[in-house]
PDB file of N, CA and C in Angstrom:
ATOM      1  N   UNK A   1       2.706  62.380 146.530  1.00  0.00           N
ATOM      2  CA  UNK A   1       3.442  61.197 147.759  1.00  0.00           C
ATOM      3  C   UNK A   1       4.929  61.188 147.423  1.00  0.00           C
ATOM      4  N   UNK A   2       5.400  61.587 146.289  1.00  0.00           N
ATOM      5  CA  UNK A   2       6.469  60.763 145.785  1.00  0.00           C
ATOM      6  C   UNK A   2       7.531  61.779 146.970  1.00  0.00           C
ATOM      7  N   UNK A   3       6.939  63.331 146.973  1.00  0.00           N
ATOM      8  CA  UNK A   3       7.330  64.450 147.725  1.00  0.00           C
ATOM      9  C   UNK A   3       8.044  64.120 149.038  1.00  0.00           C
ATOM     10  N   UNK A   4       6.983  63.610 149.624  1.00  0.00           N
ATOM     11  CA  UNK A   4       7.054  63.292 150.847  1.00  0.00           C
ATOM     12  C   UNK A   4       7.773  62.130 151.551  1.00  0.00           C
ATOM     13  N   UNK A   5       7.907  61.202 150.229  1.00  0.00           N
ATOM     14  CA  UNK A   5       8.599  59.833 150.405  1.00  0.00           C
ATOM     15  C   UNK A   5      10.038  60.956 150.718  1.00  0.00           C
ATOM     16  N   UNK A   6      10.388  61.892 149.408  1.00  0.00           N
ATOM     17  CA  UNK A   6      11.308  62.171 149.257  1.00  0.00           C
ATOM     18  C   UNK A   6      12.540  62.351 150.798  1.00  0.00           C
ATOM     19  N   UNK A   7      11.102  63.609 151.576  1.00  0.00           N
ATOM     20  CA  UNK A   7      11.493  63.896 152.512  1.00  0.00           C
ATOM     21  C   UNK A   7      11.563  63.393 153.662  1.00  0.00           C
ATOM     22  N   UNK A   8      10.879  62.338 153.921  1.00  0.00           N
ATOM     23  CA  UNK A   8      10.946  61.267 154.542  1.00  0.00           C
ATOM     24  C   UNK A   8      13.193  60.450 154.697  1.00  0.00           C
ATOM     25  N   UNK A   9      12.926  60.014 153.294  1.00  0.00           N
ATOM     26  CA  UNK A   9      14.193  59.335 153.247  1.00  0.00           C
ATOM     27  C   UNK A   9      15.405  59.981 153.056  1.00  0.00           C
ATOM     28  N   UNK A  10      14.903  61.767 153.215  1.00  0.00           N
ATOM     29  CA  UNK A  10      16.170  62.368 153.812  1.00  0.00           C
ATOM     30  C   UNK A  10      16.315  62.557 155.204  1.00  0.00           C
ATOM     31  N   UNK A  11      15.221  62.461 156.018  1.00  0.00           N
ATOM     32  CA  UNK A  11      15.889  62.274 157.216  1.00  0.00           C
ATOM     33  C   UNK A  11      15.884  61.005 157.093  1.00  0.00           C
ATOM     34  N   UNK A  12      15.633  60.166 157.275  1.00  0.00           N
ATOM     35  CA  UNK A  12      16.556  58.404 157.956  1.00  0.00           C
ATOM     36  C   UNK A  12      17.813  58.397 157.601  1.00  0.00           C
ATOM     37  N   UNK A  13      18.208  59.048 156.600  1.00  0.00           N
ATOM     38  CA  UNK A  13      19.473  59.087 155.998  1.00  0.00           C
ATOM     39  C   UNK A  13      20.058  60.117 156.763  1.00  0.00           C
ATOM     40  N   UNK A  14      20.144  61.192 156.587  1.00  0.00           N
ATOM     41  CA  UNK A  14      20.496  62.314 157.268  1.00  0.00           C
ATOM     42  C   UNK A  14      20.551  62.686 158.822  1.00  0.00           C
ATOM     43  N   UNK A  15      19.165  62.649 159.402  1.00  0.00           N
ATOM     44  CA  UNK A  15      19.140  62.577 160.729  1.00  0.00           C
ATOM     45  C   UNK A  15      19.224  61.605 161.737  1.00  0.00           C
ATOM     46  N   UNK A  16      18.402  60.543 161.318  1.00  0.00           N
ATOM     47  CA  UNK A  16      18.870  59.140 161.759  1.00  0.00           C
ATOM     48  C   UNK A  16      19.613  58.647 161.624  1.00  0.00           C
ATOM     49  N   UNK A  17      20.327  58.205 160.601  1.00  0.00           N
ATOM     50  CA  UNK A  17      21.831  57.873 160.346  1.00  0.00           C
ATOM     51  C   UNK A  17      21.255  56.805 159.491  1.00  0.00           C
ATOM     52  N   UNK A  18      20.902  56.099 159.145  1.00  0.00           N
ATOM     53  CA  UNK A  18      20.203  55.000 158.614  1.00  0.00           C
ATOM     54  C   UNK A  18      21.244  54.330 157.188  1.00  0.00           C
ATOM     55  N   UNK A  19      21.206  53.478 157.023  1.00  0.00           N
ATOM     56  CA  UNK A  19      22.140  53.174 155.322  1.00  0.00           C
ATOM     57  C   UNK A  19      20.836  52.428 154.188  1.00  0.00           C
ATOM     58  N   UNK A  20      19.904  51.957 155.215  1.00  0.00           N
ATOM     59  CA  UNK A  20      19.105  51.438 154.110  1.00  0.00           C
ATOM     60  C   UNK A  20      17.735  51.666 154.006  1.00  0.00           C
ATOM     61  N   UNK A  21      16.866  51.950 152.890  1.00  0.00           N
ATOM     62  CA  UNK A  21      15.162  52.747 153.333  1.00  0.00           C
ATOM     63  C   UNK A  21      14.657  51.394 152.631  1.00  0.00           C
ATOM     64  N   UNK A  22      13.633  50.587 153.073  1.00  0.00           N
ATOM     65  CA  UNK A  22      13.221  49.515 152.517  1.00  0.00           C
ATOM     66  C   UNK A  22      11.636  50.515 152.046  1.00  0.00           C
ATOM     67  N   UNK A  23      10.986  50.052 150.690  1.00  0.00           N
ATOM     68  CA  UNK A  23       9.606  50.353 150.201  1.00  0.00           C
ATOM     69  C   UNK A  23       9.082  49.073 149.841  1.00  0.00           C
ATOM     70  N   UNK A  24       7.958  48.257 150.863  1.00  0.00           N
ATOM     71  CA  UNK A  24       7.128  47.354 150.145  1.00  0.00           C
ATOM     72  C   UNK A  24       5.953  47.855 149.706  1.00  0.00           C
ATOM     73  N   UNK A  25       5.592  47.135 149.055  1.00  0.00           N
ATOM     74  CA  UNK A  25       4.051  46.986 147.939  1.00  0.00           C
ATOM     75  C   UNK A  25       3.859  46.120 147.587  1.00  0.00           C
ATOM     76  N   UNK A  26       2.349  45.952 147.284  1.00  0.00           N
ATOM     77  CA  UNK A  26       1.465  44.611 146.202  1.00  0.00           C
ATOM     78  C   UNK A  26       2.260  45.216 144.997  1.00  0.00           C
ATOM     79  N   UNK A  27       2.378  43.765 144.383  1.00  0.00           N
ATOM     80  CA  UNK A  27       2.589  44.300 143.203  1.00  0.00           C
ATOM     81  C   UNK A  27       1.820  44.677 142.037  1.00  0.00           C
ATOM     82  N   UNK A  28       0.117  44.329 142.549  1.00  0.00           N
ATOM     83  CA  UNK A  28      -0.792  44.871 141.951  1.00  0.00           C
ATOM     84  C   UNK A  28      -1.190  46.499 142.052  1.00  0.00           C
ATOM     85  N   UNK A  29      -0.171  46.815 143.067  1.00  0.00           N
ATOM     86  CA  UNK A  29      -0.096  48.264 143.303  1.00  0.00           C
ATOM     87  C   UNK A  29       0.687  48.932 142.386  1.00  0.00           C
ATOM     88  N   UNK A  30       0.188  49.467 141.266  1.00  0.00           N
ATOM     89  CA  UNK A  30       0.625  49.779 140.131  1.00  0.00           C
ATOM     90  C   UNK A  30       1.153  51.571 140.523  1.00  0.00           C
ATOM     91  N   UNK A  31       0.631  52.229 141.181  1.00  0.00           N
ATOM     92  CA  UNK A  31       1.000  53.398 142.026  1.00  0.00           C
ATOM     93  C   UNK A  31       2.104  52.825 142.987  1.00  0.00           C
ATOM     94  N   UNK A  32       1.886  52.690 143.438  1.00  0.00           N
ATOM     95  CA  UNK A  32       2.839  52.428 144.554  1.00  0.00           C
ATOM     96  C   UNK A  32       4.783  51.916 144.305  1.00  0.00           C
ATOM     97  N   UNK A  33       4.144  50.979 143.233  1.00  0.00           N
ATOM     98  CA  UNK A  33       5.180  50.592 142.681  1.00  0.00           C
ATOM     99  C   UNK A  33       5.922  51.541 141.390  1.00  0.00           C
ATOM    100  N   UNK A  34       5.557  52.588 140.764  1.00  0.00           N
ATOM    101  CA  UNK A  34       5.887  53.839 140.628  1.00  0.00           C
ATOM    102  C   UNK A  34       6.454  54.950 141.097  1.00  0.00           C
ATOM    103  N   UNK A  35       5.985  55.167 142.374  1.00  0.00           N
ATOM    104  CA  UNK A  35       6.390  56.010 143.443  1.00  0.00           C
ATOM    105  C   UNK A  35       8.115  55.497 143.835  1.00  0.00           C
ATOM    106  N   UNK A  36       8.375  53.864 143.702  1.00  0.00           N
ATOM    107  CA  UNK A  36       9.636  53.673 144.356  1.00  0.00           C
ATOM    108  C   UNK A  36      10.559  53.658 143.254  1.00  0.00           C
ATOM    109  N   UNK A  37       9.998  53.807 141.348  1.00  0.00           N
ATOM    110  CA  UNK A  37      11.097  54.055 140.569  1.00  0.00           C
ATOM    111  C   UNK A  37      11.407  55.427 140.669  1.00  0.00           C
ATOM    112  N   UNK A  38      10.014  56.029 141.187  1.00  0.00           N
ATOM    113  CA  UNK A  38      10.321  57.735 140.601  1.00  0.00           C
ATOM    114  C   UNK A  38      11.866  57.998 142.033  1.00  0.00           C
ATOM    115  N   UNK A  39      11.753  57.133 143.504  1.00  0.00           N
ATOM    116  CA  UNK A  39      12.282  57.473 143.691  1.00  0.00           C
ATOM    117  C   UNK A  39      14.342  57.052 143.684  1.00  0.00           C
ATOM    118  N   UNK A  40      14.114  56.251 142.830  1.00  0.00           N
ATOM    119  CA  UNK A  40      15.261  55.226 142.354  1.00  0.00           C
ATOM    120  C   UNK A  40      15.639  54.208 142.940  1.00  0.00           C
ATOM    121  N   UNK A  41      15.101  53.604 143.824  1.00  0.00           N
ATOM    122  CA  UNK A  41      14.493  52.671 144.553  1.00  0.00           C
ATOM    123  C   UNK A  41      15.321  51.169 143.838  1.00  0.00           C
ATOM    124  N   UNK A  42      15.591  50.079 143.333  1.00  0.00           N
ATOM    125  CA  UNK A  42      16.191  48.928 142.833  1.00  0.00           C
ATOM    126  C   UNK A  42      14.993  48.162 143.882  1.00  0.00           C
ATOM    127  N   UNK A  43      14.537  47.258 142.304  1.00  0.00           N
ATOM    128  CA  UNK A  43      13.392  46.550 143.305  1.00  0.00           C
ATOM    129  C   UNK A  43      14.697  44.883 143.265  1.00  0.00           C
ATOM    130  N   UNK A  44      13.896  44.774 144.726  1.00  0.00           N
ATOM    131  CA  UNK A  44      15.409  43.597 145.198  1.00  0.00           C
ATOM    132  C   UNK A  44      14.423  42.251 145.041  1.00  0.00           C
ATOM    133  N   UNK A  45      13.242  41.845 145.029  1.00  0.00           N
ATOM    134  CA  UNK A  45      12.798  40.648 144.782  1.00  0.00           C
ATOM    135  C   UNK A  45      11.736  41.057 144.902  1.00  0.00           C
ATOM    136  N   UNK A  46      10.601  40.063 144.531  1.00  0.00           N
ATOM    137  CA  UNK A  46       9.004  39.533 144.510  1.00  0.00           C
ATOM    138  C   UNK A  46       8.694  38.582 146.156  1.00  0.00           C
ATOM    139  N   UNK A  47       7.795  38.641 146.773  1.00  0.00           N
ATOM    140  CA  UNK A  47       7.736  37.584 148.190  1.00  0.00           C
ATOM    141  C   UNK A  47       6.215  37.257 147.348  1.00  0.00           C
ATOM    142  N   UNK A  48       6.368  36.021 147.085  1.00  0.00           N
ATOM    143  CA  UNK A  48       5.318  35.668 146.334  1.00  0.00           C
ATOM    144  C   UNK A  48       4.395  34.757 147.319  1.00  0.00           C
ATOM    145  N   UNK A  49       3.025  35.391 147.180  1.00  0.00           N
ATOM    146  CA  UNK A  49       1.718  35.057 147.861  1.00  0.00           C
ATOM    147  C   UNK A  49       2.022  35.685 149.581  1.00  0.00           C
ATOM    148  N   UNK A  50       2.734  36.458 149.822  1.00  0.00           N
ATOM    149  CA  UNK A  50       3.167  37.038 150.768  1.00  0.00           C
ATOM    150  C   UNK A  50       1.657  37.563 151.369  1.00  0.00           C
ATOM    151  N   UNK A  51       0.985  38.898 150.974  1.00  0.00           N
ATOM    152  CA  UNK A  51       0.775  39.466 151.681  1.00  0.00           C
ATOM    153  C   UNK A  51      -0.583  38.918 151.167  1.00  0.00           C
ATOM    154  N   UNK A  52      -1.936  38.793 152.772  1.00  0.00           N
ATOM    155  CA  UNK A  52      -3.213  38.461 152.625  1.00  0.00           C
ATOM    156  C   UNK A  52      -4.135  39.484 152.845  1.00  0.00           C
ATOM    157  N   UNK A  53      -5.285  39.352 151.477  1.00  0.00           N
ATOM    158  CA  UNK A  53      -6.104  41.163 151.483  1.00  0.00           C
ATOM    159  C   UNK A  53      -7.268  40.303 150.927  1.00  0.00           C
ATOM    160  N   UNK A  54      -8.101  40.421 151.954  1.00  0.00           N
ATOM    161  CA  UNK A  54      -9.469  40.113 151.383  1.00  0.00           C
ATOM    162  C   UNK A  54      -9.736  38.858 150.790  1.00  0.00           C
ATOM    163  N   UNK A  55      -9.359  38.129 151.430  1.00  0.00           N
ATOM    164  CA  UNK A  55      -9.426  36.450 151.110  1.00  0.00           C
ATOM    165  C   UNK A  55      -8.417  36.017 150.105  1.00  0.00           C
ATOM    166  N   UNK A  56      -7.707  36.751 149.835  1.00  0.00           N
ATOM    167  CA  UNK A  56      -7.158  36.485 148.265  1.00  0.00           C
ATOM    168  C   UNK A  56      -5.103  36.858 149.068  1.00  0.00           C
ATOM    169  N   UNK A  57      -4.478  35.884 148.721  1.00  0.00           N
ATOM    170  CA  UNK A  57      -3.065  35.743 148.646  1.00  0.00           C
ATOM    171  C   UNK A  57      -2.296  36.789 147.292  1.00  0.00           C
ATOM    172  N   UNK A  58      -0.922  37.877 147.767  1.00  0.00           N
ATOM    173  CA  UNK A  58      -0.507  38.493 146.581  1.00  0.00           C
ATOM    174  C   UNK A  58       0.657  38.421 146.700  1.00  0.00           C
ATOM    175  N   UNK A  59       1.507  38.931 146.262  1.00  0.00           N
ATOM    176  CA  UNK A  59       2.899  38.623 145.741  1.00  0.00           C
ATOM    177  C   UNK A  59       3.334  40.930 146.503  1.00  0.00           C
ATOM    178  N   UNK A  60       4.517  40.488 146.986  1.00  0.00           N
ATOM    179  CA  UNK A  60       4.235  42.052 147.463  1.00  0.00           C
ATOM    180  C   UNK A  60       5.909  42.212 146.895  1.00  0.00           C
ATOM    181  N   UNK A  61       6.180  43.474 146.342  1.00  0.00           N
ATOM    182  CA  UNK A  61       7.062  43.875 145.532  1.00  0.00           C
ATOM    183  C   UNK A  61       8.718  44.549 147.006  1.00  0.00           C
ATOM    184  N   UNK A  62       9.781  43.621 146.731  1.00  0.00           N
ATOM    185  CA  UNK A  62      10.520  44.821 147.813  1.00  0.00           C
ATOM    186  C   UNK A  62      11.432  45.591 147.136  1.00  0.00           C
ATOM    187  N   UNK A  63      11.788  46.912 147.326  1.00  0.00           N
ATOM    188  CA  UNK A  63      12.490  48.148 146.516  1.00  0.00           C
ATOM    189  C   UNK A  63      13.079  48.163 147.661  1.00  0.00           C
ATOM    190  N   UNK A  64      14.459  48.944 147.206  1.00  0.00           N
ATOM    191  CA  UNK A  64      15.607  49.919 148.199  1.00  0.00           C
ATOM    192  C   UNK A  64      16.355  50.648 147.584  1.00  0.00           C
ATOM    193  N   UNK A  65      16.930  51.663 148.603  1.00  0.00           N
ATOM    194  CA  UNK A  65      17.770  52.573 148.544  1.00  0.00           C
ATOM    195  C   UNK A  65      18.822  52.572 149.234  1.00  0.00           C
ATOM    196  N   UNK A  66      20.149  52.280 149.300  1.00  0.00           N
ATOM    197  CA  UNK A  66      20.920  52.726 150.138  1.00  0.00           C
ATOM    198  C   UNK A  66      21.300  54.199 150.117  1.00  0.00           C
ATOM    199  N   UNK A  67      22.126  54.628 151.573  1.00  0.00           N
ATOM    200  CA  UNK A  67      22.669  55.948 152.114  1.00  0.00           C
ATOM    201  C   UNK A  67      23.448  56.667 150.721  1.00  0.00           C
ATOM    202  N   UNK A  68      24.560  55.882 150.591  1.00  0.00           N
ATOM    203  CA  UNK A  68      25.385  56.540 149.599  1.00  0.00           C
ATOM    204  C   UNK A  68      24.777  56.735 147.850  1.00  0.00           C
ATOM    205  N   UNK A  69      24.265  56.016 147.428  1.00  0.00           N
ATOM    206  CA  UNK A  69      23.132  55.663 146.185  1.00  0.00           C
ATOM    207  C   UNK A  69      22.212  56.983 146.092  1.00  0.00           C
ATOM    208  N   UNK A  70      21.733  57.202 147.741  1.00  0.00           N
ATOM    209  CA  UNK A  70      20.324  58.864 147.740  1.00  0.00           C
ATOM    210  C   UNK A  70      21.568  59.279 147.634  1.00  0.00           C
ATOM    211  N   UNK A  71      22.277  59.725 148.578  1.00  0.00           N
ATOM    212  CA  UNK A  71      23.308  61.195 148.661  1.00  0.00           C
ATOM    213  C   UNK A  71      23.795  61.298 146.736  1.00  0.00           C
ATOM    214  N   UNK A  72      23.965  60.072 146.285  1.00  0.00           N
ATOM    215  CA  UNK A  72      25.026  60.334 144.741  1.00  0.00           C
ATOM    216  C   UNK A  72      23.489  60.680 143.529  1.00  0.00           C
ATOM    217  N   UNK A  73      22.481  60.072 143.768  1.00  0.00           N
ATOM    218  CA  UNK A  73      21.424  61.124 143.043  1.00  0.00           C
ATOM    219  C   UNK A  73      21.046  62.401 143.592  1.00  0.00           C
ATOM    220  N   UNK A  74      21.346  62.757 144.912  1.00  0.00           N
ATOM    221  CA  UNK A  74      20.766  64.201 145.508  1.00  0.00           C
ATOM    222  C   UNK A  74      21.530  64.855 145.055  1.00  0.00           C
ATOM    223  N   UNK A  75      22.814  64.673 144.764  1.00  0.00           N
ATOM    224  CA  UNK A  75      23.684  65.113 145.038  1.00  0.00           C
ATOM    225  C   UNK A  75      24.113  66.217 143.790  1.00  0.00           C
TER     226      UNK A  75
END
């Protein structure tokens, strides 16, 4: 998952010219949060009880990386 995500982020910044890429994940989804960490993203916040799933509301984390940060880490 991390390798595919890296390719997608490279494409977003390099081909599409985007400035920011976000990653949204349930706080309970430790594997998804770990991918964001391995990608070098910054945890920007938590949307409390924002994600309804199976009759319950869950916290959702927002992670992001900016193009200059990405280029510096890849360089």
